[in-house]
Amino acid sequence: GNAAQYQRRRHVRIPCQLPVRIETGRLSYETTATNISDWGVHLALDVALDRDRLVFLTIDFPDDRLRLFAQGRVRSVIPAGPQRGVSVEFMFDTSKARDAMAEKVRSLAAGPAA
């Protein structure tokens, strides 16, 4: 079914509940990331953004008091169902920015430190 297809990804996605601000043009929305990888994020967003639209994200990692900023492009919009929302592919302008996100995603995957 859909759940199996959902797991077949190029990049492992980590389930999460992270506060995110998404901005595009003059519009901005407060939402929640439901999963994240070092290549992108899925947002629980009821707004249908155009595919390939450029967006700016502010992702808060409350446990670490860390805030990461990323530019991205809307890759897909799912209007209904359990995976409803918007998927955004990150577009990093430096390898340092990509590495910072990858490190943060790895730490989420590892779980809380003992």
Protein backbone atom coordinates (compact mmCIF):
# COMPACT_ATOMS: atom_id res chain seq x y z
CA GLY A 1 0.00 0.00 0.00
CA ASN A 2 0.93 3.63 0.34
CA ALA A 3 2.93 3.14 3.56
CA ALA A 4 5.44 0.83 1.85
CA GLN A 5 5.78 3.19 -1.09
CA TYR A 6 6.30 6.08 1.33
CA GLN A 7 9.39 4.37 2.80
CA ARG A 8 11.11 3.84 -0.56
CA ARG A 9 13.18 6.99 -0.63
CA ARG A 10 16.67 7.98 -1.74
CA HIS A 11 17.28 9.50 1.69
CA VAL A 12 16.19 8.19 5.07
CA ARG A 13 13.55 10.42 6.60
CA ILE A 14 13.40 10.86 10.34
CA PRO A 15 9.96 11.32 11.93
CA CYS A 16 9.84 14.54 13.94
CA GLN A 17 7.64 17.32 15.27
CA LEU A 18 9.70 20.46 14.70
CA PRO A 19 8.36 24.02 14.53
CA VAL A 20 8.93 25.53 11.06
CA ARG A 21 8.27 28.91 9.51
CA ILE A 22 7.92 28.78 5.72
CA GLU A 23 8.12 32.00 3.72
CA THR A 24 7.41 32.57 0.06
CA GLY A 25 7.05 36.01 -1.43
CA ARG A 26 5.07 38.12 1.04
CA LEU A 27 3.39 35.10 2.61
CA SER A 28 4.58 33.19 5.65
CA TYR A 29 3.14 30.25 7.56
CA GLU A 30 3.89 28.64 10.91
CA THR A 31 3.71 24.86 10.66
CA THR A 32 5.30 21.60 11.80
CA ALA A 33 7.85 19.36 10.11
CA THR A 34 6.60 15.77 10.28
CA ASN A 35 9.78 14.23 8.88
CA ILE A 36 13.18 15.46 7.81
CA SER A 37 16.26 14.23 5.97
CA ASP A 38 19.49 15.94 5.06
CA TRP A 39 17.93 16.60 1.62
CA GLY A 40 14.46 17.82 2.52
CA VAL A 41 11.51 18.12 4.85
CA HIS A 42 7.80 17.31 4.86
CA LEU A 43 5.54 19.98 6.35
CA ALA A 44 2.02 19.59 7.71
CA LEU A 45 0.69 22.54 5.71
CA ASP A 46 -2.88 23.07 4.51
CA VAL A 47 -1.81 25.60 1.89
CA ALA A 48 -1.32 24.28 -1.65
CA LEU A 49 1.92 25.85 -2.81
CA ASP A 50 2.92 25.54 -6.46
CA ARG A 51 5.36 22.78 -7.30
CA ASP A 52 8.90 24.18 -7.85
CA ARG A 53 8.06 27.33 -5.85
CA LEU A 54 11.07 28.76 -4.04
CA VAL A 55 10.62 28.94 -0.25
CA PHE A 56 12.66 29.96 2.78
CA LEU A 57 12.51 27.83 5.90
CA THR A 58 13.34 28.49 9.53
CA ILE A 59 13.53 25.17 11.39
CA ASP A 60 13.68 25.15 15.18
CA PHE A 61 15.30 22.29 17.08
CA PRO A 62 13.96 23.12 20.57
CA ASP A 63 15.90 20.39 22.40
CA ASP A 64 19.18 21.98 21.32
CA ARG A 65 17.97 25.59 21.24
CA LEU A 66 19.15 25.56 17.65
CA ARG A 67 17.60 27.31 14.64
CA LEU A 68 18.61 26.44 11.08
CA PHE A 69 17.72 28.44 7.98
CA ALA A 70 17.36 26.83 4.58
CA GLN A 71 16.23 27.73 1.11
CA GLY A 72 14.23 25.10 -0.73
CA ARG A 73 11.95 24.21 -3.58
CA VAL A 74 8.48 22.66 -3.27
CA ARG A 75 8.75 19.13 -4.70
CA SER A 76 5.26 17.79 -4.01
CA VAL A 77 1.92 18.71 -2.49
CA ILE A 78 -0.34 16.04 -0.96
CA PRO A 79 -3.81 17.59 -0.49
CA ALA A 80 -5.39 14.89 1.72
CA GLY A 81 -4.75 11.78 3.77
CA PRO A 82 -2.26 10.91 6.50
CA GLN A 83 0.70 12.34 4.58
CA ARG A 84 -1.12 15.59 3.73
CA GLY A 85 1.19 18.53 3.35
CA VAL A 86 4.10 19.92 1.35
CA SER A 87 7.49 18.35 0.69
CA VAL A 88 10.41 20.73 0.25
CA GLU A 89 13.83 19.85 -1.14
CA PHE A 90 16.65 21.82 0.49
CA MET A 91 18.82 23.98 -1.77
CA PHE A 92 22.05 24.81 0.07
CA ASP A 93 24.43 27.41 -1.31
CA THR A 94 27.42 26.04 0.61
CA SER A 95 28.63 22.61 1.63
CA LYS A 96 28.97 23.97 5.19
CA ALA A 97 25.22 24.67 5.31
CA ARG A 98 24.42 21.17 3.95
CA ASP A 99 26.81 19.59 6.47
CA ALA A 100 25.17 21.48 9.36
CA MET A 101 21.74 20.14 8.36
CA ALA A 102 23.08 16.60 7.83
CA GLU A 103 24.69 16.65 11.28
CA LYS A 104 21.46 17.84 12.90
CA VAL A 105 19.40 15.16 11.10
CA ARG A 106 21.88 12.47 12.20
CA SER A 107 21.55 13.63 15.81
CA LEU A 108 17.72 13.39 15.55
CA ALA A 109 18.06 9.86 14.15
CA ALA A 110 20.33 8.86 17.04
CA GLY A 111 17.75 10.02 19.58
CA PRO A 112 18.33 11.86 22.84
CA ALA A 113 21.73 11.58 24.44
CA ALA A 114 21.86 9.46 27.58
